[in-house]
Amino acid sequence: MAKARANRPASGTVMRLVAGVDEAGRGPLAGPVAVAAVILDPALPIEGLNDSKKLTEARRETLYPQIVARAMAHCVVMVMPDEIDRINIYQATMTGMCRALAGLALAPHEAWIDGNALPRELPCPGRAIVGGDALEPAISAASILAKVTRDRWMVALDREHPGYGFAEHKGYGTPAHLDALKRLGPCPHHRRSFAPVKILVDQGVLF
């Protein structure tokens, strides 16, 4: 009820709904890329929103439930490694953006997307904003939801596949991760199209 009322300003005109969109996890060697879309409620502002990379883990975890509780709509989707390998990381990210927007409970009038490119099949008009995750609160909120969701996913993956250090490096190509790859070989959640993993796969080093 409250969110339905917040959808209309006092004048009775329909509020223009803008969804912020951002991703987390384009660069790692393992795990999904997470993409979030968020429509913020101007009646319920959230203090301290910023690019998730500029926030501490503790601050992101504090903001996450506030965003979930106060946003008019939000959606986070995961694009898995097998799809990333099949269509490449750029297309996987673009696909995830479309899915996240389509998954919102409210249809946005416009999408503001962090970066310099827009997916071809957006379900609404879009605007690409370079550095948008630090400039636009809705994109900042999406950045935080994507980052926290993916980090939690990687912590769970660490319990499923111990030894790689997923809980610490979240799948990025740190020296510790590369060393674990050489010792253990890739697990099913590694991106086989990414060079350090592909080399091991081509050599027949499989988990």
N, C-alpha and C. Protein backbone atom coordinates (compact mmCIF):
# COMPACT_ATOMS: atom_id res chain seq x y z
N MET A 1 0.83 -1.20 0.00
CA MET A 1 0.00 0.00 0.00
C MET A 1 0.86 1.26 0.00
N ALA A 2 1.87 1.33 0.89
CA ALA A 2 2.68 2.53 1.00
C ALA A 2 3.43 2.80 -0.30
N LYS A 3 3.93 1.74 -0.93
CA LYS A 3 4.69 1.94 -2.15
C LYS A 3 3.78 2.32 -3.31
N ALA A 4 2.57 1.85 -3.31
CA ALA A 4 1.64 2.27 -4.35
C ALA A 4 1.34 3.76 -4.23
N ARG A 5 1.18 4.25 -2.98
CA ARG A 5 0.94 5.67 -2.79
C ARG A 5 2.15 6.50 -3.17
N ALA A 6 3.35 5.96 -2.87
CA ALA A 6 4.57 6.69 -3.19
C ALA A 6 4.79 6.81 -4.69
N ASN A 7 4.05 6.02 -5.44
CA ASN A 7 4.19 6.03 -6.89
C ASN A 7 3.52 7.25 -7.53
N ARG A 8 2.75 8.01 -6.73
CA ARG A 8 2.06 9.18 -7.26
C ARG A 8 2.39 10.41 -6.41
N PRO A 9 2.93 11.46 -7.01
CA PRO A 9 3.17 12.69 -6.27
C PRO A 9 1.87 13.35 -5.86
N ALA A 10 1.97 14.39 -5.00
CA ALA A 10 0.78 15.05 -4.48
C ALA A 10 -0.08 15.65 -5.60
N SER A 11 0.54 16.05 -6.67
CA SER A 11 -0.20 16.68 -7.77
C SER A 11 -1.12 15.70 -8.50
N GLY A 12 -0.92 14.42 -8.29
CA GLY A 12 -1.73 13.42 -8.96
C GLY A 12 -1.14 12.95 -10.27
N THR A 13 -0.05 13.58 -10.73
CA THR A 13 0.61 13.12 -11.95
C THR A 13 1.44 11.89 -11.63
N VAL A 14 1.61 11.03 -12.62
CA VAL A 14 2.35 9.78 -12.41
C VAL A 14 3.84 10.08 -12.31
N MET A 15 4.47 9.54 -11.29
CA MET A 15 5.91 9.73 -11.11
C MET A 15 6.68 9.00 -12.20
N ARG A 16 7.72 9.63 -12.70
CA ARG A 16 8.57 8.98 -13.69
C ARG A 16 9.53 8.05 -12.96
N LEU A 17 9.46 6.77 -13.29
CA LEU A 17 10.27 5.77 -12.62
C LEU A 17 11.58 5.55 -13.36
N VAL A 18 12.67 5.78 -12.68
CA VAL A 18 14.00 5.60 -13.25
C VAL A 18 14.71 4.46 -12.51
N ALA A 19 15.19 3.49 -13.24
CA ALA A 19 15.92 2.37 -12.64
C ALA A 19 17.41 2.56 -12.84
N GLY A 20 18.16 2.45 -11.77
CA GLY A 20 19.61 2.42 -11.87
C GLY A 20 20.07 0.99 -12.08
N VAL A 21 21.09 0.80 -12.91
CA VAL A 21 21.56 -0.55 -13.24
C VAL A 21 23.08 -0.59 -13.14
N ASP A 22 23.59 -1.62 -12.50
CA ASP A 22 25.04 -1.81 -12.44
C ASP A 22 25.34 -3.28 -12.21
N GLU A 23 26.63 -3.63 -12.42
CA GLU A 23 27.04 -5.03 -12.29
C GLU A 23 28.22 -5.15 -11.34
N ALA A 24 28.50 -6.39 -10.95
CA ALA A 24 29.68 -6.72 -10.17
C ALA A 24 30.22 -8.05 -10.67
N GLY A 25 31.53 -8.10 -10.86
CA GLY A 25 32.14 -9.38 -11.21
C GLY A 25 32.41 -9.62 -12.66
N ARG A 26 32.72 -8.57 -13.42
CA ARG A 26 33.08 -8.79 -14.82
C ARG A 26 34.48 -9.40 -14.95
N GLY A 27 35.38 -9.03 -14.06
CA GLY A 27 36.77 -9.42 -14.21
C GLY A 27 37.23 -10.72 -13.60
N PRO A 28 36.52 -11.30 -12.62
CA PRO A 28 37.02 -12.51 -11.96
C PRO A 28 37.18 -13.71 -12.89
N LEU A 29 37.97 -14.66 -12.44
CA LEU A 29 38.18 -15.90 -13.17
C LEU A 29 37.14 -16.96 -12.83
N ALA A 30 36.37 -16.71 -11.78
CA ALA A 30 35.39 -17.70 -11.33
C ALA A 30 34.14 -17.01 -10.82
N GLY A 31 33.04 -17.75 -10.85
CA GLY A 31 31.78 -17.25 -10.34
C GLY A 31 30.99 -16.47 -11.37
N PRO A 32 29.76 -16.11 -11.02
CA PRO A 32 28.88 -15.39 -11.96
C PRO A 32 29.19 -13.91 -12.01
N VAL A 33 28.62 -13.24 -12.99
CA VAL A 33 28.55 -11.78 -12.96
C VAL A 33 27.15 -11.45 -12.44
N ALA A 34 27.09 -10.55 -11.45
CA ALA A 34 25.82 -10.15 -10.85
C ALA A 34 25.40 -8.81 -11.42
N VAL A 35 24.13 -8.68 -11.77
CA VAL A 35 23.61 -7.43 -12.31
C VAL A 35 22.36 -7.05 -11.52
N ALA A 36 22.31 -5.80 -11.08
CA ALA A 36 21.17 -5.34 -10.28
C ALA A 36 20.50 -4.15 -10.95
N ALA A 37 19.20 -4.06 -10.75
CA ALA A 37 18.41 -2.90 -11.16
C ALA A 37 17.62 -2.43 -9.94
N VAL A 38 17.59 -1.12 -9.71
CA VAL A 38 16.93 -0.56 -8.53
C VAL A 38 16.15 0.69 -8.91
N ILE A 39 14.90 0.76 -8.45
CA ILE A 39 14.12 1.99 -8.53
C ILE A 39 13.99 2.52 -7.11
N LEU A 40 14.63 3.63 -6.82
CA LEU A 40 14.57 4.21 -5.49
C LEU A 40 13.27 4.97 -5.28
N ASP A 41 12.87 5.06 -4.03
CA ASP A 41 11.69 5.81 -3.64
C ASP A 41 12.14 7.18 -3.12
N PRO A 42 11.82 8.28 -3.81
CA PRO A 42 12.26 9.60 -3.34
C PRO A 42 11.70 9.97 -1.98
N ALA A 43 10.64 9.29 -1.55
CA ALA A 43 10.06 9.57 -0.23
C ALA A 43 10.84 8.88 0.88
N LEU A 44 11.73 7.95 0.50
CA LEU A 44 12.50 7.20 1.50
C LEU A 44 13.98 7.26 1.12
N PRO A 45 14.62 8.42 1.29
CA PRO A 45 16.02 8.55 0.90
C PRO A 45 16.95 7.68 1.74
N ILE A 46 18.06 7.30 1.15
CA ILE A 46 19.06 6.46 1.82
C ILE A 46 20.37 7.24 1.85
N GLU A 47 20.87 7.49 3.04
CA GLU A 47 22.10 8.25 3.18
C GLU A 47 23.33 7.37 2.94
N GLY A 48 24.33 7.95 2.28
CA GLY A 48 25.61 7.27 2.15
C GLY A 48 25.76 6.40 0.93
N LEU A 49 24.86 6.47 -0.03
CA LEU A 49 25.00 5.68 -1.25
C LEU A 49 26.21 6.16 -2.06
N ASN A 50 26.94 5.20 -2.61
CA ASN A 50 28.12 5.53 -3.40
C ASN A 50 28.49 4.30 -4.22
N ASP A 51 29.44 4.47 -5.11
CA ASP A 51 30.01 3.34 -5.83
C ASP A 51 30.44 2.28 -4.82
N SER A 52 30.00 1.05 -5.00
CA SER A 52 30.28 0.00 -4.02
C SER A 52 31.78 -0.20 -3.80
N LYS A 53 32.57 0.06 -4.83
CA LYS A 53 34.03 -0.12 -4.70
C LYS A 53 34.65 0.92 -3.77
N LYS A 54 33.93 2.02 -3.53
CA LYS A 54 34.45 3.06 -2.65
C LYS A 54 33.97 2.90 -1.21
N LEU A 55 33.20 1.86 -0.96
CA LEU A 55 32.66 1.59 0.37
C LEU A 55 33.33 0.36 0.98
N THR A 56 33.44 0.35 2.28
CA THR A 56 33.96 -0.83 2.96
C THR A 56 32.91 -1.94 2.90
N GLU A 57 33.35 -3.17 3.12
CA GLU A 57 32.42 -4.29 3.15
C GLU A 57 31.36 -4.07 4.22
N ALA A 58 31.77 -3.58 5.39
CA ALA A 58 30.82 -3.35 6.48
C ALA A 58 29.76 -2.31 6.09
N ARG A 59 30.20 -1.26 5.39
CA ARG A 59 29.26 -0.22 4.97
C ARG A 59 28.29 -0.76 3.92
N ARG A 60 28.80 -1.57 3.00
CA ARG A 60 27.92 -2.17 1.99
C ARG A 60 26.88 -3.05 2.65
N GLU A 61 27.29 -3.83 3.64
CA GLU A 61 26.36 -4.72 4.32
C GLU A 61 25.32 -3.94 5.12
N THR A 62 25.69 -2.75 5.59
CA THR A 62 24.72 -1.90 6.30
C THR A 62 23.71 -1.30 5.34
N LEU A 63 24.18 -0.88 4.16
CA LEU A 63 23.30 -0.25 3.19
C LEU A 63 22.38 -1.25 2.48
N TYR A 64 22.86 -2.47 2.31
CA TYR A 64 22.10 -3.48 1.56
C TYR A 64 20.66 -3.63 2.06
N PRO A 65 20.43 -3.90 3.36
CA PRO A 65 19.04 -4.07 3.80
C PRO A 65 18.22 -2.79 3.71
N GLN A 66 18.88 -1.64 3.82
CA GLN A 66 18.15 -0.38 3.66
C GLN A 66 17.63 -0.23 2.23
N ILE A 67 18.48 -0.58 1.27
CA ILE A 67 18.06 -0.50 -0.13
C ILE A 67 16.91 -1.45 -0.40
N VAL A 68 17.04 -2.69 0.07
CA VAL A 68 16.00 -3.69 -0.14
C VAL A 68 14.68 -3.24 0.48
N ALA A 69 14.75 -2.64 1.68
CA ALA A 69 13.53 -2.25 2.39
C ALA A 69 12.89 -0.98 1.81
N ARG A 70 13.70 -0.05 1.34
CA ARG A 70 13.17 1.26 0.95
C ARG A 70 12.97 1.45 -0.55
N ALA A 71 13.60 0.66 -1.37
CA ALA A 71 13.44 0.82 -2.82
C ALA A 71 12.02 0.49 -3.24
N MET A 72 11.54 1.17 -4.26
CA MET A 72 10.22 0.86 -4.81
C MET A 72 10.24 -0.50 -5.50
N ALA A 73 11.39 -0.84 -6.10
CA ALA A 73 11.55 -2.15 -6.75
C ALA A 73 13.04 -2.42 -6.90
N HIS A 74 13.39 -3.68 -6.83
CA HIS A 74 14.78 -4.07 -7.07
C HIS A 74 14.82 -5.50 -7.59
N CYS A 75 15.87 -5.81 -8.35
CA CYS A 75 16.05 -7.16 -8.87
C CYS A 75 17.54 -7.39 -9.10
N VAL A 76 18.02 -8.55 -8.68
CA VAL A 76 19.41 -8.94 -8.92
C VAL A 76 19.40 -10.27 -9.65
N VAL A 77 20.14 -10.35 -10.75
CA VAL A 77 20.24 -11.59 -11.50
C VAL A 77 21.71 -12.01 -11.58
N MET A 78 21.93 -13.30 -11.70
CA MET A 78 23.26 -13.86 -11.86
C MET A 78 23.38 -14.49 -13.23
N VAL A 79 24.42 -14.15 -13.94
CA VAL A 79 24.72 -14.81 -15.21
C VAL A 79 25.90 -15.75 -14.94
N MET A 80 25.67 -17.04 -15.14
CA MET A 80 26.61 -18.06 -14.69
C MET A 80 27.79 -18.25 -15.64
N PRO A 81 28.87 -18.87 -15.14
CA PRO A 81 30.08 -19.02 -15.95
C PRO A 81 29.88 -19.72 -17.28
N ASP A 82 29.00 -20.72 -17.33
CA ASP A 82 28.82 -21.41 -18.61
C ASP A 82 28.24 -20.48 -19.68
N GLU A 83 27.34 -19.59 -19.26
CA GLU A 83 26.80 -18.62 -20.22
C GLU A 83 27.84 -17.57 -20.58
N ILE A 84 28.62 -17.14 -19.59
CA ILE A 84 29.70 -16.20 -19.86
C ILE A 84 30.66 -16.78 -20.89
N ASP A 85 31.02 -18.05 -20.72
CA ASP A 85 31.93 -18.71 -21.66
C ASP A 85 31.31 -18.82 -23.05
N ARG A 86 30.00 -19.00 -23.09
CA ARG A 86 29.33 -19.22 -24.38
C ARG A 86 29.17 -17.93 -25.19
N ILE A 87 28.87 -16.80 -24.50
CA ILE A 87 28.56 -15.59 -25.26
C ILE A 87 29.54 -14.45 -25.00
N ASN A 88 30.50 -14.62 -24.14
CA ASN A 88 31.55 -13.69 -23.69
C ASN A 88 31.03 -12.77 -22.57
N ILE A 89 31.94 -12.21 -21.80
CA ILE A 89 31.57 -11.47 -20.59
C ILE A 89 30.82 -10.18 -20.92
N TYR A 90 31.18 -9.53 -22.02
CA TYR A 90 30.47 -8.30 -22.38
C TYR A 90 29.00 -8.58 -22.67
N GLN A 91 28.74 -9.58 -23.52
CA GLN A 91 27.36 -9.91 -23.86
C GLN A 91 26.61 -10.46 -22.65
N ALA A 92 27.32 -11.19 -21.79
CA ALA A 92 26.68 -11.71 -20.57
C ALA A 92 26.23 -10.56 -19.68
N THR A 93 27.05 -9.52 -19.58
CA THR A 93 26.68 -8.36 -18.77
C THR A 93 25.49 -7.63 -19.38
N MET A 94 25.51 -7.43 -20.69
CA MET A 94 24.39 -6.78 -21.35
C MET A 94 23.10 -7.58 -21.18
N THR A 95 23.21 -8.89 -21.30
CA THR A 95 22.05 -9.77 -21.11
C THR A 95 21.53 -9.66 -19.69
N GLY A 96 22.44 -9.65 -18.72
CA GLY A 96 22.04 -9.53 -17.32
C GLY A 96 21.31 -8.23 -17.04
N MET A 97 21.73 -7.15 -17.68
CA MET A 97 21.05 -5.86 -17.49
C MET A 97 19.61 -5.93 -17.95
N CYS A 98 19.39 -6.53 -19.12
CA CYS A 98 18.03 -6.68 -19.63
C CYS A 98 17.18 -7.55 -18.70
N ARG A 99 17.75 -8.62 -18.20
CA ARG A 99 17.01 -9.52 -17.31
C ARG A 99 16.67 -8.84 -15.99
N ALA A 100 17.62 -8.06 -15.46
CA ALA A 100 17.37 -7.38 -14.18
C ALA A 100 16.24 -6.36 -14.33
N LEU A 101 16.25 -5.60 -15.42
CA LEU A 101 15.20 -4.62 -15.65
C LEU A 101 13.85 -5.31 -15.86
N ALA A 102 13.86 -6.39 -16.62
CA ALA A 102 12.61 -7.12 -16.86
C ALA A 102 12.07 -7.75 -15.59
N GLY A 103 12.95 -8.02 -14.62
CA GLY A 103 12.54 -8.66 -13.38
C GLY A 103 12.01 -7.71 -12.32
N LEU A 104 12.05 -6.41 -12.57
CA LEU A 104 11.52 -5.45 -11.61
C LEU A 104 10.01 -5.57 -11.47
N ALA A 105 9.51 -5.40 -10.25
CA ALA A 105 8.06 -5.48 -10.02
C ALA A 105 7.33 -4.29 -10.62
N LEU A 106 8.03 -3.19 -10.82
CA LEU A 106 7.48 -2.01 -11.49
C LEU A 106 8.25 -1.79 -12.79
N ALA A 107 7.55 -1.47 -13.85
CA ALA A 107 8.21 -1.23 -15.13
C ALA A 107 8.76 0.20 -15.16
N PRO A 108 10.06 0.37 -15.28
CA PRO A 108 10.62 1.73 -15.30
C PRO A 108 10.36 2.44 -16.62
N HIS A 109 10.29 3.76 -16.55
CA HIS A 109 10.17 4.56 -17.77
C HIS A 109 11.52 4.71 -18.46
N GLU A 110 12.60 4.64 -17.65
CA GLU A 110 13.94 4.82 -18.20
C GLU A 110 14.93 4.07 -17.33
N ALA A 111 16.02 3.61 -17.94
CA ALA A 111 17.10 2.94 -17.21
C ALA A 111 18.37 3.78 -17.33
N TRP A 112 19.00 4.03 -16.19
CA TRP A 112 20.30 4.70 -16.17
C TRP A 112 21.34 3.64 -15.86
N ILE A 113 22.27 3.44 -16.79
CA ILE A 113 23.20 2.33 -16.70
C ILE A 113 24.62 2.84 -16.55
N ASP A 114 25.33 2.27 -15.58
CA ASP A 114 26.73 2.66 -15.38
C ASP A 114 27.57 2.19 -16.56
N GLY A 115 28.38 3.10 -17.13
CA GLY A 115 29.24 2.72 -18.23
C GLY A 115 29.00 3.56 -19.47
N ASN A 116 29.51 3.08 -20.59
CA ASN A 116 29.41 3.84 -21.83
C ASN A 116 28.66 3.11 -22.94
N ALA A 117 27.94 2.05 -22.57
CA ALA A 117 27.23 1.26 -23.59
C ALA A 117 25.88 0.81 -23.05
N LEU A 118 24.93 0.67 -23.97
CA LEU A 118 23.59 0.20 -23.62
C LEU A 118 23.31 -1.12 -24.32
N PRO A 119 22.63 -2.05 -23.64
CA PRO A 119 22.19 -3.27 -24.32
C PRO A 119 21.24 -2.94 -25.46
N ARG A 120 21.28 -3.73 -26.51
CA ARG A 120 20.42 -3.48 -27.67
C ARG A 120 18.95 -3.75 -27.37
N GLU A 121 18.67 -4.67 -26.44
CA GLU A 121 17.30 -5.10 -26.23
C GLU A 121 16.77 -4.66 -24.87
N LEU A 122 17.09 -3.45 -24.46
CA LEU A 122 16.53 -2.91 -23.21
C LEU A 122 15.00 -2.89 -23.29
N PRO A 123 14.33 -3.22 -22.18
CA PRO A 123 12.86 -3.18 -22.19
C PRO A 123 12.30 -1.77 -22.03
N CYS A 124 13.18 -0.75 -21.96
CA CYS A 124 12.74 0.63 -21.82
C CYS A 124 13.85 1.53 -22.37
N PRO A 125 13.58 2.81 -22.58
CA PRO A 125 14.66 3.70 -22.99
C PRO A 125 15.78 3.71 -21.95
N GLY A 126 17.02 3.95 -22.41
CA GLY A 126 18.14 3.92 -21.49
C GLY A 126 19.13 5.04 -21.72
N ARG A 127 19.93 5.29 -20.68
CA ARG A 127 20.99 6.29 -20.78
C ARG A 127 22.24 5.72 -20.13
N ALA A 128 23.35 5.71 -20.84
CA ALA A 128 24.62 5.25 -20.30
C ALA A 128 25.31 6.43 -19.62
N ILE A 129 25.79 6.20 -18.40
CA ILE A 129 26.43 7.26 -17.63
C ILE A 129 27.78 6.76 -17.14
N VAL A 130 28.84 7.30 -17.68
CA VAL A 130 30.19 6.92 -17.25
C VAL A 130 30.40 7.40 -15.82
N GLY A 131 30.83 6.48 -14.96
CA GLY A 131 31.00 6.82 -13.54
C GLY A 131 29.69 7.01 -12.81
N GLY A 132 28.62 6.50 -13.39
CA GLY A 132 27.29 6.68 -12.80
C GLY A 132 27.13 6.09 -11.43
N ASP A 133 27.91 5.05 -11.12
CA ASP A 133 27.78 4.42 -9.80
C ASP A 133 28.20 5.35 -8.67
N ALA A 134 28.95 6.41 -8.99
CA ALA A 134 29.33 7.40 -7.98
C ALA A 134 28.52 8.69 -8.11
N LEU A 135 27.74 8.81 -9.18
CA LEU A 135 27.04 10.05 -9.47
C LEU A 135 25.54 9.98 -9.22
N GLU A 136 24.94 8.85 -9.53
CA GLU A 136 23.49 8.70 -9.44
C GLU A 136 23.11 7.71 -8.35
N PRO A 137 22.33 8.14 -7.35
CA PRO A 137 22.00 7.25 -6.23
C PRO A 137 21.39 5.92 -6.65
N ALA A 138 20.54 5.92 -7.68
CA ALA A 138 19.92 4.65 -8.09
C ALA A 138 20.96 3.68 -8.63
N ILE A 139 21.94 4.20 -9.36
CA ILE A 139 23.01 3.33 -9.86
C ILE A 139 23.90 2.88 -8.71
N SER A 140 24.17 3.79 -7.77
CA SER A 140 24.95 3.41 -6.59
C SER A 140 24.27 2.27 -5.84
N ALA A 141 22.96 2.38 -5.68
CA ALA A 141 22.20 1.33 -4.98
C ALA A 141 22.31 0.01 -5.73
N ALA A 142 22.21 0.05 -7.06
CA ALA A 142 22.35 -1.17 -7.85
C ALA A 142 23.75 -1.75 -7.71
N SER A 143 24.75 -0.88 -7.69
CA SER A 143 26.13 -1.32 -7.51
C SER A 143 26.30 -2.07 -6.20
N ILE A 144 25.70 -1.55 -5.15
CA ILE A 144 25.82 -2.18 -3.83
C ILE A 144 25.09 -3.52 -3.79
N LEU A 145 23.87 -3.57 -4.32
CA LEU A 145 23.14 -4.85 -4.32
C LEU A 145 23.88 -5.91 -5.12
N ALA A 146 24.42 -5.52 -6.27
CA ALA A 146 25.14 -6.50 -7.09
C ALA A 146 26.39 -6.99 -6.39
N LYS A 147 27.14 -6.08 -5.80
CA LYS A 147 28.39 -6.44 -5.13
C LYS A 147 28.16 -7.34 -3.92
N VAL A 148 27.22 -6.95 -3.06
CA VAL A 148 26.96 -7.73 -1.85
C VAL A 148 26.41 -9.11 -2.21
N THR A 149 25.49 -9.16 -3.17
CA THR A 149 24.92 -10.44 -3.57
C THR A 149 25.99 -11.37 -4.12
N ARG A 150 26.86 -10.84 -4.96
CA ARG A 150 27.91 -11.67 -5.54
C ARG A 150 28.93 -12.10 -4.49
N ASP A 151 29.31 -11.20 -3.61
CA ASP A 151 30.29 -11.56 -2.56
C ASP A 151 29.75 -12.67 -1.68
N ARG A 152 28.48 -12.59 -1.33
CA ARG A 152 27.88 -13.65 -0.51
C ARG A 152 27.87 -14.97 -1.27
N TRP A 153 27.61 -14.89 -2.55
CA TRP A 153 27.61 -16.09 -3.40
C TRP A 153 28.99 -16.75 -3.38
N MET A 154 30.04 -15.93 -3.49
CA MET A 154 31.40 -16.47 -3.53
C MET A 154 31.82 -17.04 -2.19
N VAL A 155 31.34 -16.47 -1.10
CA VAL A 155 31.62 -17.03 0.23
C VAL A 155 30.99 -18.42 0.34
N ALA A 156 29.76 -18.56 -0.15
CA ALA A 156 29.11 -19.87 -0.14
C ALA A 156 29.85 -20.85 -1.05
N LEU A 157 30.35 -20.35 -2.18
CA LEU A 157 31.08 -21.20 -3.12
C LEU A 157 32.39 -21.70 -2.50
N ASP A 158 32.96 -20.90 -1.62
CA ASP A 158 34.19 -21.29 -0.94
C ASP A 158 33.96 -22.52 -0.07
N ARG A 159 32.78 -22.61 0.53
CA ARG A 159 32.47 -23.78 1.35
C ARG A 159 32.24 -25.02 0.48
N GLU A 160 31.72 -24.80 -0.72
CA GLU A 160 31.45 -25.90 -1.65
C GLU A 160 32.74 -26.40 -2.30
N HIS A 161 33.66 -25.47 -2.56
CA HIS A 161 34.94 -25.81 -3.21
C HIS A 161 36.10 -25.20 -2.43
N PRO A 162 36.42 -25.77 -1.28
CA PRO A 162 37.51 -25.21 -0.46
C PRO A 162 38.86 -25.35 -1.15
N GLY A 163 39.75 -24.46 -0.78
CA GLY A 163 41.11 -24.53 -1.29
C GLY A 163 41.46 -23.43 -2.27
N TYR A 164 40.44 -22.84 -2.91
CA TYR A 164 40.70 -21.79 -3.90
C TYR A 164 40.76 -20.40 -3.26
N GLY A 165 40.16 -20.25 -2.08
CA GLY A 165 40.14 -18.95 -1.43
C GLY A 165 39.07 -18.01 -1.93
N PHE A 166 37.98 -18.57 -2.46
CA PHE A 166 36.92 -17.72 -3.02
C PHE A 166 36.38 -16.71 -2.01
N ALA A 167 36.32 -17.06 -0.74
CA ALA A 167 35.78 -16.16 0.27
C ALA A 167 36.64 -14.91 0.43
N GLU A 168 37.93 -15.05 0.14
CA GLU A 168 38.83 -13.91 0.30
C GLU A 168 38.91 -13.06 -0.98
N HIS A 169 39.22 -13.69 -2.11
CA HIS A 169 39.45 -12.90 -3.32
C HIS A 169 38.23 -12.81 -4.24
N LYS A 170 37.15 -13.52 -3.90
CA LYS A 170 35.89 -13.46 -4.64
C LYS A 170 36.04 -13.86 -6.11
N GLY A 171 37.06 -14.66 -6.41
CA GLY A 171 37.23 -15.16 -7.77
C GLY A 171 38.18 -14.36 -8.64
N TYR A 172 38.66 -13.24 -8.14
CA TYR A 172 39.60 -12.43 -8.93
C TYR A 172 40.95 -13.14 -9.04
N GLY A 173 41.74 -12.74 -10.03
CA GLY A 173 42.98 -13.44 -10.32
C GLY A 173 44.15 -13.00 -9.45
N THR A 174 44.02 -13.14 -8.16
CA THR A 174 45.10 -12.81 -7.23
C THR A 174 46.19 -13.87 -7.32
N PRO A 175 47.39 -13.55 -6.83
CA PRO A 175 48.45 -14.58 -6.82
C PRO A 175 48.02 -15.85 -6.09
N ALA A 176 47.30 -15.70 -4.98
CA ALA A 176 46.86 -16.88 -4.23
C ALA A 176 45.89 -17.72 -5.06
N HIS A 177 44.99 -17.06 -5.79
CA HIS A 177 44.04 -17.78 -6.62
C HIS A 177 44.74 -18.49 -7.77
N LEU A 178 45.67 -17.80 -8.41
CA LEU A 178 46.41 -18.41 -9.52
C LEU A 178 47.22 -19.60 -9.04
N ASP A 179 47.78 -19.50 -7.85
CA ASP A 179 48.54 -20.63 -7.29
C ASP A 179 47.62 -21.82 -7.03
N ALA A 180 46.42 -21.53 -6.49
CA ALA A 180 45.45 -22.61 -6.23
C ALA A 180 45.00 -23.26 -7.54
N LEU A 181 44.84 -22.45 -8.57
CA LEU A 181 44.46 -23.00 -9.87
C LEU A 181 45.52 -23.98 -10.38
N LYS A 182 46.77 -23.63 -10.22
CA LYS A 182 47.85 -24.50 -10.69
C LYS A 182 47.89 -25.80 -9.89
N ARG A 183 47.58 -25.71 -8.59
CA ARG A 183 47.63 -26.90 -7.74
C ARG A 183 46.41 -27.79 -7.90
N LEU A 184 45.24 -27.17 -8.01
CA LEU A 184 43.98 -27.92 -7.97
C LEU A 184 43.32 -28.08 -9.33
N GLY A 185 43.71 -27.22 -10.27
CA GLY A 185 42.98 -27.20 -11.55
C GLY A 185 41.68 -26.44 -11.37
N PRO A 186 41.02 -26.08 -12.45
CA PRO A 186 39.76 -25.33 -12.35
C PRO A 186 38.62 -26.18 -11.82
N CYS A 187 37.73 -25.55 -11.06
CA CYS A 187 36.51 -26.21 -10.59
C CYS A 187 35.38 -25.88 -11.57
N PRO A 188 34.21 -26.46 -11.40
CA PRO A 188 33.11 -26.22 -12.36
C PRO A 188 32.66 -24.77 -12.44
N HIS A 189 33.04 -23.95 -11.47
CA HIS A 189 32.58 -22.56 -11.46
C HIS A 189 33.62 -21.60 -12.03
N HIS A 190 34.72 -22.10 -12.54
CA HIS A 190 35.69 -21.24 -13.19
C HIS A 190 35.24 -20.93 -14.62
N ARG A 191 35.62 -19.74 -15.08
CA ARG A 191 35.27 -19.30 -16.44
C ARG A 191 36.34 -19.82 -17.40
N ARG A 192 35.97 -20.81 -18.16
CA ARG A 192 36.96 -21.49 -19.01
C ARG A 192 37.41 -20.68 -20.22
N SER A 193 36.72 -19.58 -20.50
CA SER A 193 37.13 -18.73 -21.61
C SER A 193 38.14 -17.67 -21.18
N PHE A 194 38.38 -17.54 -19.87
CA PHE A 194 39.33 -16.55 -19.36
C PHE A 194 40.73 -17.15 -19.38
N ALA A 195 41.70 -16.37 -19.84
CA ALA A 195 43.02 -16.89 -20.21
C ALA A 195 43.70 -17.80 -19.18
N PRO A 196 43.85 -17.41 -17.91
CA PRO A 196 44.56 -18.30 -16.98
C PRO A 196 43.88 -19.66 -16.81
N VAL A 197 42.55 -19.67 -16.88
CA VAL A 197 41.80 -20.93 -16.76
C VAL A 197 41.86 -21.70 -18.08
N LYS A 198 41.73 -20.99 -19.18
CA LYS A 198 41.74 -21.64 -20.50
C LYS A 198 43.05 -22.39 -20.73
N ILE A 199 44.15 -21.81 -20.28
CA ILE A 199 45.45 -22.47 -20.46
C ILE A 199 45.45 -23.83 -19.77
N LEU A 200 44.92 -23.89 -18.55
CA LEU A 200 44.87 -25.15 -17.81
C LEU A 200 43.91 -26.14 -18.45
N VAL A 201 42.79 -25.63 -18.93
CA VAL A 201 41.82 -26.51 -19.60
C VAL A 201 42.44 -27.10 -20.86
N ASP A 202 43.11 -26.26 -21.63
CA ASP A 202 43.76 -26.73 -22.86
C ASP A 202 44.83 -27.76 -22.56
N GLN A 203 45.44 -27.67 -21.39
CA GLN A 203 46.47 -28.61 -20.98
C GLN A 203 45.88 -29.89 -20.39
N GLY A 204 44.55 -29.90 -20.24
CA GLY A 204 43.90 -31.07 -19.68
C GLY A 204 43.91 -31.15 -18.17
N VAL A 205 44.15 -29.99 -17.51
CA VAL A 205 44.16 -29.96 -16.05
C VAL A 205 42.75 -29.64 -15.59
N LEU A 206 41.98 -30.64 -15.24
CA LEU A 206 40.58 -30.48 -14.85
C LEU A 206 40.36 -30.92 -13.42
N PHE A 207 39.34 -30.31 -12.79
CA PHE A 207 39.02 -30.68 -11.42
C PHE A 207 38.34 -32.06 -11.40
